[in-house]
Amino acid sequence: MKYDFLSYVGAESRASVAGRDAGDAPQNSRRTRKESAREGVLARMQAKSRPLFLLSILMLALVTAACSLSSRGKFVCSASSSACVDAISGDYTGTFSGAASGSWTATFSKTGAATGTAKLGDQAIALTGSSDATGKLVFGSGASGIEFSGELFDDGSVSGTWVKGSSTGTFEGKRLAGAPIQPQPSDGGGTSDFTPDSGGGGPTAFACTASEAACLNAMAGNYNGTYSGAAAGTWKATIATNGAITGSAIIPGGGTLTLTGQADPKGLLVFGNTSKGAQFSGTLYTDGTVTGSWAMSSAQGAFLGVRAEGPLTMP
């Protein structure tokens, strides 16, 4: 038989490789099992750590939100009342939630008068109200009985509560122009209350020296505002050209109190509801603002408001 050296070497090489592969098979198998076990341990560790990671992210978000809320302060104005109310003026928008949810918008004028809309589904509710120099915002609808009462913060955000009959909730929003710009205090050290002008930069009391008819005619217009103290709510009234006052107040719980009264030529306003023992007594100022006190049985407090038509024109 003819000897083929190349065939012999090839056969020996193949046999050697096959033998080595067969010998390595158990070792490779053990290595594969070890790697699989290690991968399983890593997978279980990742699975356990994932909830902790997500919890950490959530806690960080909550802490950030809390810090954001705690960093804001209430709107505090040391200038005259009219300047503070002017600083608050602007367009606001937000949402409300609770027993019902929706959105709201409101525009506060430079005199503090507010008009806006609350949207509840397909329903649009017209709102009126006012702001005061301390940043308190109150607006609502006498027809629907809904009332929003909140406060302004120095970053331009707003938050508070709303009530409509037995339904209640909270609301929040913001001033579209951003944080209100703090006015400079007047040279006389203006006050945060509506007081007659005594050189401190506050509103000037309406002191009309014309005929009674002319003075009453100058005061005529539509007024709206808020009251606070033992109870809080909104009020609105119309002063006729003869000084007769008719209006209403929204009382806690969503009820409506009919108001009637009379203005005198010197700017004193007295109106209320005799059958309920309620009375509002206030003073009118030339910039169209009104401030005074109210009483109903043993309950009492203060009220303020503005003339929707703006400042009065002295006859």
Protein backbone atom coordinates (compact mmCIF):
# COMPACT_ATOMS: atom_id res chain seq x y z
CA MET A 1 0.00 0.00 0.00
CA LYS A 2 1.28 3.41 -0.92
CA TYR A 3 2.06 5.62 2.10
CA ASP A 4 0.54 9.08 1.95
CA PHE A 5 2.32 11.29 4.46
CA LEU A 6 0.03 14.30 3.97
CA SER A 7 -3.11 12.22 4.49
CA TYR A 8 -1.61 10.78 7.68
CA VAL A 9 -0.76 14.19 9.10
CA GLY A 10 -4.23 15.53 8.29
CA ALA A 11 -5.91 12.60 9.96
CA GLU A 12 -3.73 12.93 13.08
CA SER A 13 -4.47 16.67 13.29
CA ARG A 14 -8.21 16.16 13.03
CA ALA A 15 -8.11 13.48 15.67
CA SER A 16 -6.11 15.74 17.98
CA VAL A 17 -8.52 18.64 17.59
CA ALA A 18 -11.52 16.41 18.13
CA GLY A 19 -9.96 15.04 21.27
CA ARG A 20 -9.13 18.46 22.66
CA ASP A 21 -12.66 19.73 21.95
CA ALA A 22 -14.12 16.73 23.68
CA GLY A 23 -11.86 17.31 26.66
CA ASP A 24 -12.74 21.02 26.87
CA ALA A 25 -16.49 20.40 26.72
CA PRO A 26 -16.99 19.87 30.52
CA GLN A 27 -14.88 22.92 31.30
CA ASN A 28 -16.84 25.07 28.82
CA SER A 29 -20.08 23.76 30.28
CA ARG A 30 -18.95 24.69 33.80
CA ARG A 31 -17.92 28.16 32.59
CA THR A 32 -21.30 28.66 30.92
CA ARG A 33 -23.16 27.67 34.10
CA LYS A 34 -21.05 30.07 36.18
CA GLU A 35 -21.66 32.93 33.74
CA SER A 36 -25.40 32.20 33.70
CA ALA A 37 -25.50 32.19 37.50
CA ARG A 38 -23.57 35.46 37.66
CA GLU A 39 -25.90 37.05 35.10
CA GLY A 40 -28.90 35.84 37.11
CA VAL A 41 -27.54 37.44 40.29
CA LEU A 42 -26.91 40.71 38.45
CA ALA A 43 -30.42 40.66 36.99
CA ARG A 44 -31.95 40.10 40.44
CA MET A 45 -29.86 42.93 41.89
CA GLN A 46 -30.96 45.28 39.12
CA ALA A 47 -34.61 44.27 39.60
CA LYS A 48 -34.36 45.01 43.33
CA SER A 49 -32.57 48.31 42.81
CA ARG A 50 -34.96 49.61 40.14
CA PRO A 51 -37.82 50.42 42.60
CA LEU A 52 -35.32 52.11 44.91
CA PHE A 53 -34.07 54.20 42.00
CA LEU A 54 -37.58 55.19 41.00
CA LEU A 55 -38.43 55.99 44.63
CA SER A 56 -35.35 58.21 44.82
CA ILE A 57 -36.45 60.08 41.69
CA LEU A 58 -39.95 60.56 43.15
CA MET A 59 -38.60 61.80 46.49
CA LEU A 60 -36.30 64.24 44.70
CA ALA A 61 -39.25 65.59 42.69
CA LEU A 62 -41.35 66.00 45.86
CA VAL A 63 -38.53 67.76 47.69
CA THR A 64 -37.98 70.07 44.72
CA ALA A 65 -41.69 70.92 44.59
CA ALA A 66 -41.81 71.52 48.35
CA CYS A 67 -38.79 73.79 48.18
CA SER A 68 -40.39 75.68 45.32
CA LEU A 69 -43.57 76.26 47.32
CA SER A 70 -41.78 77.15 50.53
CA SER A 71 -39.57 79.66 48.72
CA ARG A 72 -42.51 81.83 47.71
CA GLY A 73 -43.79 84.46 50.10
CA LYS A 74 -47.05 86.32 50.43
CA PHE A 75 -47.46 89.55 48.51
CA VAL A 76 -46.53 92.31 50.95
CA CYS A 77 -46.78 95.90 49.74
CA SER A 78 -45.61 98.90 51.77
CA ALA A 79 -46.69 101.60 49.31
CA SER A 80 -50.06 103.35 49.20
CA SER A 81 -53.17 101.22 48.77
CA SER A 82 -53.83 102.49 45.26
CA ALA A 83 -50.23 101.75 44.22
CA CYS A 84 -50.41 98.23 45.67
CA VAL A 85 -53.69 97.46 43.93
CA ASP A 86 -52.21 98.83 40.71
CA ALA A 87 -49.22 96.47 41.08
CA ILE A 88 -51.58 93.49 41.37
CA SER A 89 -53.46 94.37 38.17
CA GLY A 90 -53.17 92.07 35.17
CA ASP A 91 -54.46 88.91 33.56
CA TYR A 92 -54.62 85.71 35.60
CA THR A 93 -55.41 82.13 34.66
CA GLY A 94 -55.61 78.83 36.49
CA THR A 95 -57.57 75.73 37.40
CA PHE A 96 -59.86 74.59 40.21
CA SER A 97 -60.54 71.12 41.59
CA GLY A 98 -62.46 69.38 44.33
CA ALA A 99 -66.17 68.63 44.13
CA ALA A 100 -65.94 69.96 40.56
CA SER A 101 -63.02 70.84 38.32
CA GLY A 102 -62.38 73.27 35.51
CA SER A 103 -60.43 76.37 34.56
CA TRP A 104 -60.73 80.07 35.29
CA THR A 105 -59.45 83.38 33.96
CA ALA A 106 -59.69 86.85 35.49
CA THR A 107 -58.49 90.34 34.74
CA PHE A 108 -57.86 92.71 37.64
CA SER A 109 -57.92 96.39 36.75
CA LYS A 110 -55.65 99.08 38.18
CA THR A 111 -58.43 99.99 40.62
CA GLY A 112 -58.89 96.39 41.78
CA ALA A 113 -62.09 95.52 39.89
CA ALA A 114 -62.09 91.99 38.50
CA THR A 115 -63.95 90.36 35.62
CA GLY A 116 -63.45 86.85 34.36
CA THR A 117 -64.85 83.46 33.45
CA ALA A 118 -64.95 80.04 35.08
CA LYS A 119 -65.33 77.09 32.74
CA LEU A 120 -66.96 73.93 34.03
CA GLY A 121 -67.27 71.50 31.13
CA ASP A 122 -69.31 73.26 28.45
CA GLN A 123 -70.60 75.82 30.97
CA ALA A 124 -69.05 79.29 31.11
CA ILE A 125 -69.75 81.33 34.27
CA ALA A 126 -69.15 85.09 34.26
CA LEU A 127 -67.16 86.27 37.28
CA THR A 128 -66.79 89.63 39.01
CA GLY A 129 -64.81 90.56 42.08
CA SER A 130 -61.96 92.64 43.41
CA SER A 131 -58.46 92.65 44.87
CA ASP A 132 -57.17 94.58 47.85
CA ALA A 133 -53.81 96.08 48.74
CA THR A 134 -52.79 93.02 50.77
CA GLY A 135 -53.05 90.68 47.79
CA LYS A 136 -56.37 89.12 48.67
CA LEU A 137 -58.38 88.16 45.58
CA VAL A 138 -62.10 87.44 45.75
CA PHE A 139 -64.29 86.83 42.71
CA GLY A 140 -67.40 84.86 41.91
CA SER A 141 -70.88 84.83 40.44
CA GLY A 142 -73.99 85.85 42.32
CA ALA A 143 -76.18 84.08 39.75
CA SER A 144 -74.51 80.69 40.10
CA GLY A 145 -73.45 81.12 43.74
CA ILE A 146 -69.82 80.20 43.16
CA GLU A 147 -67.11 82.15 44.99
CA PHE A 148 -63.32 82.03 44.80
CA SER A 149 -61.27 83.43 47.67
CA GLY A 150 -57.47 83.36 47.50
CA GLU A 151 -54.25 85.25 47.92
CA LEU A 152 -51.45 86.42 45.69
CA PHE A 153 -47.81 85.46 46.29
CA ASP A 154 -44.69 87.42 45.45
CA ASP A 155 -43.87 85.13 42.52
CA GLY A 156 -47.20 85.91 40.82
CA SER A 157 -48.86 82.62 41.78
CA VAL A 158 -52.35 82.46 43.29
CA SER A 159 -53.99 79.83 45.48
CA GLY A 160 -57.13 79.59 47.56
CA THR A 161 -60.49 77.89 48.00
CA TRP A 162 -63.83 77.99 46.24
CA VAL A 163 -67.36 77.25 47.39
CA LYS A 164 -70.67 76.74 45.61
CA GLY A 165 -73.46 75.75 47.95
CA SER A 166 -72.29 72.60 49.73
CA SER A 167 -69.59 71.96 47.12
CA THR A 168 -66.05 73.09 47.91
CA GLY A 169 -62.55 72.77 46.54
CA THR A 170 -59.28 74.55 45.91
CA PHE A 171 -57.94 76.62 43.07
CA GLU A 172 -54.59 77.85 41.87
CA GLY A 173 -53.24 80.01 39.09
CA LYS A 174 -50.71 82.59 38.08
CA ARG A 175 -50.33 86.13 36.83
CA LEU A 176 -49.50 85.93 33.13
CA ALA A 177 -47.12 88.89 33.33
CA GLY A 178 -45.18 87.19 36.12
CA ALA A 179 -44.41 88.45 39.60
CA PRO A 180 -45.97 91.83 40.47
CA ILE A 181 -43.47 94.67 40.60
CA GLN A 182 -43.33 96.17 44.07
CA PRO A 183 -44.14 99.91 43.98
CA GLN A 184 -41.94 102.27 45.94
CA PRO A 185 -43.35 103.44 49.28
CA SER A 186 -44.63 107.01 49.17
CA ASP A 187 -42.64 109.76 50.87
CA GLY A 188 -45.31 109.97 53.51
CA GLY A 189 -45.11 106.25 54.32
CA GLY A 190 -48.23 105.08 52.54
CA THR A 191 -50.55 102.66 54.26
CA SER A 192 -52.00 99.35 53.18
CA ASP A 193 -55.52 100.53 54.11
CA PHE A 194 -57.79 102.84 52.19
CA THR A 195 -57.59 106.11 54.05
CA PRO A 196 -58.22 109.72 53.08
CA ASP A 197 -55.20 111.43 51.60
CA SER A 198 -53.31 113.30 54.27
CA GLY A 199 -50.07 113.72 52.38
CA GLY A 200 -49.23 110.01 52.52
CA GLY A 201 -50.18 109.26 48.92
CA GLY A 202 -53.43 107.40 49.73
CA PRO A 203 -56.80 107.91 48.04
CA THR A 204 -58.57 111.22 48.52
CA ALA A 205 -62.00 111.17 50.15
CA PHE A 206 -64.83 112.35 47.89
CA ALA A 207 -65.52 115.87 49.11
CA CYS A 208 -67.98 117.40 46.68
CA THR A 209 -68.79 121.10 46.96
CA ALA A 210 -71.22 121.28 44.04
CA SER A 211 -74.99 120.94 44.31
CA GLU A 212 -76.42 117.82 45.95
CA ALA A 213 -77.84 116.59 42.65
CA ALA A 214 -74.51 117.08 40.85
CA CYS A 215 -72.56 115.30 43.58
CA LEU A 216 -74.91 112.29 43.63
CA ASN A 217 -74.80 112.12 39.85
CA ALA A 218 -70.97 112.02 39.95
CA MET A 219 -71.07 109.04 42.32
CA ALA A 220 -73.44 107.02 40.13
CA GLY A 221 -72.10 103.72 38.81
CA ASN A 222 -71.59 100.04 39.43
CA TYR A 223 -69.51 98.94 42.41
CA ASN A 224 -68.26 95.55 43.52
CA GLY A 225 -65.92 94.26 46.16
CA THR A 226 -65.29 91.96 49.08
CA TYR A 227 -66.02 91.82 52.80
CA SER A 228 -64.13 89.98 55.52
CA GLY A 229 -64.09 89.50 59.27
CA ALA A 230 -66.55 87.22 61.06
CA ALA A 231 -67.67 86.15 57.57
CA ALA A 232 -66.24 86.66 54.10
CA GLY A 233 -67.73 87.01 50.65
CA THR A 234 -68.38 89.37 47.76
CA TRP A 235 -70.79 92.22 47.25
CA LYS A 236 -71.97 94.40 44.39
CA ALA A 237 -74.13 97.50 44.24
CA THR A 238 -75.38 100.14 41.83
CA ILE A 239 -75.65 103.78 42.86
CA ALA A 240 -78.31 105.60 40.85
CA THR A 241 -78.03 109.26 39.86
CA ASN A 242 -80.26 110.17 42.83
CA GLY A 243 -78.04 108.26 45.29
CA ALA A 244 -80.28 105.21 45.71
CA ILE A 245 -78.28 102.02 46.27
CA THR A 246 -79.40 98.53 45.23
CA GLY A 247 -77.29 95.41 45.24
CA SER A 248 -76.56 92.03 46.77
CA ALA A 249 -73.96 90.16 48.79
CA ILE A 250 -72.92 86.52 48.51
CA ILE A 251 -72.91 85.02 51.99
CA PRO A 252 -71.04 81.88 53.17
CA GLY A 253 -72.73 78.76 51.87
CA GLY A 254 -73.71 80.38 48.58
CA GLY A 255 -76.79 82.35 49.70
CA THR A 256 -77.61 85.82 48.41
CA LEU A 257 -78.45 88.82 50.59
CA THR A 258 -80.39 91.63 48.93
CA LEU A 259 -79.04 95.10 49.70
CA THR A 260 -80.63 98.55 49.55
CA GLY A 261 -79.50 101.91 50.83
CA GLN A 262 -78.62 105.51 50.10
CA ALA A 263 -75.52 107.55 49.33
CA ASP A 264 -75.15 111.13 50.52
CA PRO A 265 -73.50 113.97 48.55
CA LYS A 266 -70.35 113.82 50.71
CA GLY A 267 -69.50 110.28 49.65
CA LEU A 268 -70.88 108.35 52.61
CA LEU A 269 -72.55 105.06 51.63
CA VAL A 270 -74.99 103.19 53.86
CA PHE A 271 -76.72 100.05 52.59
CA GLY A 272 -77.82 96.70 53.93
CA ASN A 273 -80.72 94.39 54.63
CA THR A 274 -83.06 95.52 57.39
CA SER A 275 -84.86 92.19 57.80
CA LYS A 276 -81.51 90.39 58.35
CA GLY A 277 -80.02 93.13 60.50
CA ALA A 278 -77.11 93.61 58.07
CA GLN A 279 -75.58 97.03 57.40
CA PHE A 280 -72.60 98.29 55.39
CA SER A 281 -71.27 101.79 56.16
CA GLY A 282 -68.45 103.12 54.03
CA THR A 283 -66.66 106.05 52.45
CA LEU A 284 -66.19 106.72 48.74
CA TYR A 285 -62.89 108.07 47.39
CA THR A 286 -62.16 110.03 44.25
CA ASP A 287 -60.24 107.12 42.67
CA GLY A 288 -63.45 105.07 42.79
CA THR A 289 -62.52 102.92 45.77
CA VAL A 290 -64.82 102.26 48.72
CA THR A 291 -63.95 101.09 52.21
CA GLY A 292 -65.85 100.70 55.44
CA SER A 293 -67.25 98.31 57.99
CA TRP A 294 -70.21 95.95 58.16
CA ALA A 295 -72.24 94.41 60.95
CA MET A 296 -74.89 91.71 61.11
CA SER A 297 -76.21 90.96 64.58
CA SER A 298 -73.09 90.26 66.66
CA ALA A 299 -70.89 89.56 63.61
CA GLN A 300 -68.83 92.37 62.11
CA GLY A 301 -65.92 93.08 59.81
CA ALA A 302 -64.60 95.32 57.05
CA PHE A 303 -65.38 95.70 53.37
CA LEU A 304 -63.84 97.33 50.34
CA GLY A 305 -64.62 97.70 46.68
CA VAL A 306 -64.16 99.68 43.50
CA ARG A 307 -66.25 101.53 40.94
CA ALA A 308 -66.34 99.56 37.69
CA GLU A 309 -66.37 102.80 35.68
CA GLY A 310 -63.17 103.98 37.35
CA PRO A 311 -62.35 107.23 39.20
CA LEU A 312 -65.04 109.80 39.87
CA THR A 313 -65.18 113.07 37.98
CA MET A 314 -65.64 115.94 40.40
CA PRO A 315 -68.49 118.25 39.26
